Amino acid sequence: MNTLPALNDFLLYENPYVIKRFEINFPNEAHRSKELFTDMLRYLWLCEKHFLDKKENPNDESLDFIPVMHQEMRAIDNMWHEFILITKDYQDFCNKFFGKFIHHEPNMQETLEYNEDNYVKSLSLFLSYTYDVLGETVVKNWFKDHLQDF
């Protein structure tokens, strides 16, 4: 599969078991569990879009980043962990929407050989791409505690 479902269609996916599990395991975030589930879907869709864009445009320097789950997005990452643990649902979801299993690579940021300049460049490209693809509101929501005068 080399096509990506339309984002609006993709965001219609629901899994109440994942949300319930998240609410039990992260009670301090339970009030926004549905929002975080949607953000997790957005992130997974964005990663696959970036993969396909990079494949189609390998020399595009604006795509020279890995869409790492940054610390500011920890709650979204926790939602993804909960989804992965419901293995059959997660596998079925991946196969339905992406035609393949989407693996989770924990602590990827720590394994990348970044110096501070490379990190800043990669983060800037990630934020710019996210802004262009998902919009200002998503970037502000994902990084709201770390953005000033955006």
C-alpha atoms as a PDB file:
ATOM      1  CA  MET A   1       0.000   0.000   0.000  1.00  0.00           C
ATOM      2  CA  ASN A   2       1.484   3.326  -1.081  1.00  0.00           C
ATOM      3  CA  THR A   3      -1.549   5.479  -0.510  1.00  0.00           C
ATOM      4  CA  LEU A   4      -2.476   7.217   2.656  1.00  0.00           C
ATOM      5  CA  PRO A   5      -6.098   7.510   3.738  1.00  0.00           C
ATOM      6  CA  ALA A   6      -7.518  11.011   3.899  1.00  0.00           C
ATOM      7  CA  LEU A   7      -6.828  12.454   7.337  1.00  0.00           C
ATOM      8  CA  ASN A   8     -10.493  13.231   8.033  1.00  0.00           C
ATOM      9  CA  ASP A   9     -11.469   9.627   7.270  1.00  0.00           C
ATOM     10  CA  PHE A  10      -8.542   8.309   9.304  1.00  0.00           C
ATOM     11  CA  LEU A  11      -9.551  10.374  12.343  1.00  0.00           C
ATOM     12  CA  LEU A  12     -12.950   8.654  12.402  1.00  0.00           C
ATOM     13  CA  TYR A  13     -11.297   5.516  13.781  1.00  0.00           C
ATOM     14  CA  GLU A  14     -12.352   4.799  17.361  1.00  0.00           C
ATOM     15  CA  ASN A  15     -11.243   2.279  19.936  1.00  0.00           C
ATOM     16  CA  PRO A  16     -13.008   2.674  23.292  1.00  0.00           C
ATOM     17  CA  TYR A  17     -10.900  -0.110  24.828  1.00  0.00           C
ATOM     18  CA  VAL A  18      -7.708   1.883  24.309  1.00  0.00           C
ATOM     19  CA  ILE A  19      -9.252   5.019  25.738  1.00  0.00           C
ATOM     20  CA  LYS A  20     -10.621   3.164  28.777  1.00  0.00           C
ATOM     21  CA  ARG A  21      -7.260   1.516  29.411  1.00  0.00           C
ATOM     22  CA  PHE A  22      -5.523   4.883  29.138  1.00  0.00           C
ATOM     23  CA  GLU A  23      -7.963   6.475  31.598  1.00  0.00           C
ATOM     24  CA  ILE A  24      -7.274   3.717  34.131  1.00  0.00           C
ATOM     25  CA  ASN A  25      -3.496   3.887  33.751  1.00  0.00           C
ATOM     26  CA  PHE A  26      -3.218   7.683  33.468  1.00  0.00           C
ATOM     27  CA  PRO A  27      -5.998   9.111  35.656  1.00  0.00           C
ATOM     28  CA  ASN A  28      -4.463  12.595  35.646  1.00  0.00           C
ATOM     29  CA  GLU A  29      -4.904  12.712  31.863  1.00  0.00           C
ATOM     30  CA  ALA A  30      -8.290  10.957  31.746  1.00  0.00           C
ATOM     31  CA  HIS A  31     -10.166  14.222  31.169  1.00  0.00           C
ATOM     32  CA  ARG A  32      -8.484  14.547  27.768  1.00  0.00           C
ATOM     33  CA  SER A  33      -8.198  10.908  26.759  1.00  0.00           C
ATOM     34  CA  LYS A  34     -10.309  11.259  23.596  1.00  0.00           C
ATOM     35  CA  GLU A  35      -8.294  14.295  22.508  1.00  0.00           C
ATOM     36  CA  LEU A  36      -5.049  12.396  23.112  1.00  0.00           C
ATOM     37  CA  PHE A  37      -6.338   9.404  21.157  1.00  0.00           C
ATOM     38  CA  THR A  38      -7.062  11.708  18.210  1.00  0.00           C
ATOM     39  CA  ASP A  39      -3.622  13.302  18.562  1.00  0.00           C
ATOM     40  CA  MET A  40      -2.042   9.852  18.530  1.00  0.00           C
ATOM     41  CA  LEU A  41      -3.901   9.101  15.296  1.00  0.00           C
ATOM     42  CA  ARG A  42      -2.688  12.403  13.853  1.00  0.00           C
ATOM     43  CA  TYR A  43       0.894  11.577  14.808  1.00  0.00           C
ATOM     44  CA  LEU A  44       0.790   8.090  13.256  1.00  0.00           C
ATOM     45  CA  TRP A  45      -0.762   9.489  10.080  1.00  0.00           C
ATOM     46  CA  LEU A  46       1.854  12.258   9.983  1.00  0.00           C
ATOM     47  CA  CYS A  47       4.689   9.722  10.329  1.00  0.00           C
ATOM     48  CA  GLU A  48       3.396   7.672   7.424  1.00  0.00           C
ATOM     49  CA  LYS A  49       2.836  10.799   5.317  1.00  0.00           C
ATOM     50  CA  HIS A  50       6.397  11.898   6.029  1.00  0.00           C
ATOM     51  CA  PHE A  51       7.680   8.430   5.065  1.00  0.00           C
ATOM     52  CA  LEU A  52       5.795   8.541   1.742  1.00  0.00           C
ATOM     53  CA  ASP A  53       6.805  12.164   1.044  1.00  0.00           C
ATOM     54  CA  LYS A  54      10.456  11.349   1.740  1.00  0.00           C
ATOM     55  CA  LYS A  55      10.280   8.287  -0.488  1.00  0.00           C
ATOM     56  CA  GLU A  56       8.780  10.362  -3.307  1.00  0.00           C
ATOM     57  CA  ASN A  57      11.164  13.320  -2.787  1.00  0.00           C
ATOM     58  CA  PRO A  58      14.435  11.899  -1.425  1.00  0.00           C
ATOM     59  CA  ASN A  59      16.412  15.087  -2.126  1.00  0.00           C
ATOM     60  CA  ASP A  60      13.972  17.467  -0.437  1.00  0.00           C
ATOM     61  CA  GLU A  61      15.984  18.899   2.456  1.00  0.00           C
ATOM     62  CA  SER A  62      12.826  20.048   4.222  1.00  0.00           C
ATOM     63  CA  LEU A  63      12.115  16.339   4.826  1.00  0.00           C
ATOM     64  CA  ASP A  64      15.527  15.602   6.383  1.00  0.00           C
ATOM     65  CA  PHE A  65      14.219  14.729   9.827  1.00  0.00           C
ATOM     66  CA  ILE A  66      12.783  11.775  11.669  1.00  0.00           C
ATOM     67  CA  PRO A  67       9.359  12.499  13.203  1.00  0.00           C
ATOM     68  CA  VAL A  68      10.496  11.665  16.723  1.00  0.00           C
ATOM     69  CA  MET A  69       7.952  11.728  19.543  1.00  0.00           C
ATOM     70  CA  HIS A  70       9.355  14.637  21.545  1.00  0.00           C
ATOM     71  CA  GLN A  71       9.156  14.849  25.331  1.00  0.00           C
ATOM     72  CA  GLU A  72       6.454  17.508  25.025  1.00  0.00           C
ATOM     73  CA  MET A  73       4.289  14.841  23.396  1.00  0.00           C
ATOM     74  CA  ARG A  74       4.684  12.291  26.230  1.00  0.00           C
ATOM     75  CA  ALA A  75       0.923  11.954  26.847  1.00  0.00           C
ATOM     76  CA  ILE A  76       0.382  11.128  23.153  1.00  0.00           C
ATOM     77  CA  ASP A  77       3.168   8.567  23.349  1.00  0.00           C
ATOM     78  CA  ASN A  78       1.555   7.024  26.428  1.00  0.00           C
ATOM     79  CA  MET A  79      -1.691   6.671  24.476  1.00  0.00           C
ATOM     80  CA  TRP A  80       0.218   4.919  21.686  1.00  0.00           C
ATOM     81  CA  HIS A  81       1.719   2.514  24.239  1.00  0.00           C
ATOM     82  CA  GLU A  82      -1.760   1.641  25.478  1.00  0.00           C
ATOM     83  CA  PHE A  83      -2.920   1.003  21.915  1.00  0.00           C
ATOM     84  CA  ILE A  84       0.064  -1.226  21.136  1.00  0.00           C
ATOM     85  CA  LEU A  85      -0.725  -3.376  24.175  1.00  0.00           C
ATOM     86  CA  ILE A  86      -4.080  -4.291  22.658  1.00  0.00           C
ATOM     87  CA  THR A  87      -2.064  -6.138  20.055  1.00  0.00           C
ATOM     88  CA  LYS A  88      -4.773  -7.551  17.807  1.00  0.00           C
ATOM     89  CA  ASP A  89      -6.590  -4.221  17.525  1.00  0.00           C
ATOM     90  CA  TYR A  90      -3.329  -2.388  16.883  1.00  0.00           C
ATOM     91  CA  GLN A  91      -2.194  -4.866  14.237  1.00  0.00           C
ATOM     92  CA  ASP A  92      -5.609  -4.777  12.525  1.00  0.00           C
ATOM     93  CA  PHE A  93      -5.571  -0.958  12.606  1.00  0.00           C
ATOM     94  CA  CYS A  94      -2.083  -0.781  11.066  1.00  0.00           C
ATOM     95  CA  ASN A  95      -2.931  -3.263   8.341  1.00  0.00           C
ATOM     96  CA  LYS A  96      -6.221  -1.543   7.510  1.00  0.00           C
ATOM     97  CA  PHE A  97      -4.867   1.987   7.266  1.00  0.00           C
ATOM     98  CA  PHE A  98      -1.201   1.535   6.336  1.00  0.00           C
ATOM     99  CA  GLY A  99      -0.979  -1.943   4.866  1.00  0.00           C
ATOM    100  CA  LYS A 100       1.841  -2.737   7.281  1.00  0.00           C
ATOM    101  CA  PHE A 101       2.652  -2.844  10.969  1.00  0.00           C
ATOM    102  CA  ILE A 102       3.871   0.485  12.389  1.00  0.00           C
ATOM    103  CA  HIS A 103       6.585  -0.246  14.914  1.00  0.00           C
ATOM    104  CA  HIS A 104       7.296   1.844  17.976  1.00  0.00           C
ATOM    105  CA  GLU A 105      10.956   2.580  18.633  1.00  0.00           C
ATOM    106  CA  PRO A 106      11.301   3.841  22.209  1.00  0.00           C
ATOM    107  CA  ASN A 107      13.865   6.463  23.127  1.00  0.00           C
ATOM    108  CA  MET A 108      14.730   7.020  19.496  1.00  0.00           C
ATOM    109  CA  GLN A 109      15.793  10.564  20.244  1.00  0.00           C
ATOM    110  CA  GLU A 110      18.464   9.253  22.601  1.00  0.00           C
ATOM    111  CA  THR A 111      19.915   6.915  19.961  1.00  0.00           C
ATOM    112  CA  LEU A 112      20.210   9.538  17.232  1.00  0.00           C
ATOM    113  CA  GLU A 113      23.616  11.104  16.893  1.00  0.00           C
ATOM    114  CA  TYR A 114      22.583  14.714  17.363  1.00  0.00           C
ATOM    115  CA  ASN A 115      24.670  17.582  18.440  1.00  0.00           C
ATOM    116  CA  GLU A 116      22.712  20.619  19.565  1.00  0.00           C
ATOM    117  CA  ASP A 117      22.688  22.224  16.105  1.00  0.00           C
ATOM    118  CA  ASN A 118      21.417  19.031  14.447  1.00  0.00           C
ATOM    119  CA  TYR A 119      18.760  18.625  17.113  1.00  0.00           C
ATOM    120  CA  VAL A 120      17.512  22.184  16.646  1.00  0.00           C
ATOM    121  CA  LYS A 121      17.493  21.777  12.858  1.00  0.00           C
ATOM    122  CA  SER A 122      15.613  18.480  13.047  1.00  0.00           C
ATOM    123  CA  LEU A 123      13.077  19.834  15.527  1.00  0.00           C
ATOM    124  CA  SER A 124      12.559  22.948  13.376  1.00  0.00           C
ATOM    125  CA  LEU A 125      11.935  20.809  10.291  1.00  0.00           C
ATOM    126  CA  PHE A 126       9.557  18.552  12.244  1.00  0.00           C
ATOM    127  CA  LEU A 127       7.610  21.537  13.576  1.00  0.00           C
ATOM    128  CA  SER A 128       7.475  23.183  10.156  1.00  0.00           C
ATOM    129  CA  TYR A 129       6.278  19.986   8.482  1.00  0.00           C
ATOM    130  CA  THR A 130       3.691  19.391  11.208  1.00  0.00           C
ATOM    131  CA  TYR A 131       2.491  22.982  10.862  1.00  0.00           C
ATOM    132  CA  ASP A 132       2.192  22.668   7.066  1.00  0.00           C
ATOM    133  CA  VAL A 133       0.459  19.284   7.163  1.00  0.00           C
ATOM    134  CA  LEU A 134      -1.671  19.385  10.330  1.00  0.00           C
ATOM    135  CA  GLY A 135      -1.914  23.103  11.012  1.00  0.00           C
ATOM    136  CA  GLU A 136      -1.032  25.677  13.604  1.00  0.00           C
ATOM    137  CA  THR A 137      -3.551  24.468  16.177  1.00  0.00           C
ATOM    138  CA  VAL A 138      -1.996  20.999  16.322  1.00  0.00           C
ATOM    139  CA  VAL A 139       1.536  22.358  16.722  1.00  0.00           C
ATOM    140  CA  LYS A 140       0.381  24.714  19.462  1.00  0.00           C
ATOM    141  CA  ASN A 141      -1.467  21.902  21.220  1.00  0.00           C
ATOM    142  CA  TRP A 142       1.427  19.447  21.059  1.00  0.00           C
ATOM    143  CA  PHE A 143       4.022  22.008  22.178  1.00  0.00           C
ATOM    144  CA  LYS A 144       1.886  24.559  24.042  1.00  0.00           C
ATOM    145  CA  ASP A 145       3.994  24.581  27.193  1.00  0.00           C
ATOM    146  CA  HIS A 146       7.150  25.245  25.185  1.00  0.00           C
ATOM    147  CA  LEU A 147       6.094  27.797  22.577  1.00  0.00           C
ATOM    148  CA  GLN A 148       6.233  31.496  23.160  1.00  0.00           C
ATOM    149  CA  ASP A 149       4.747  34.092  20.809  1.00  0.00           C
ATOM    150  CA  PHE A 150       4.081  31.486  18.140  1.00  0.00           C
END
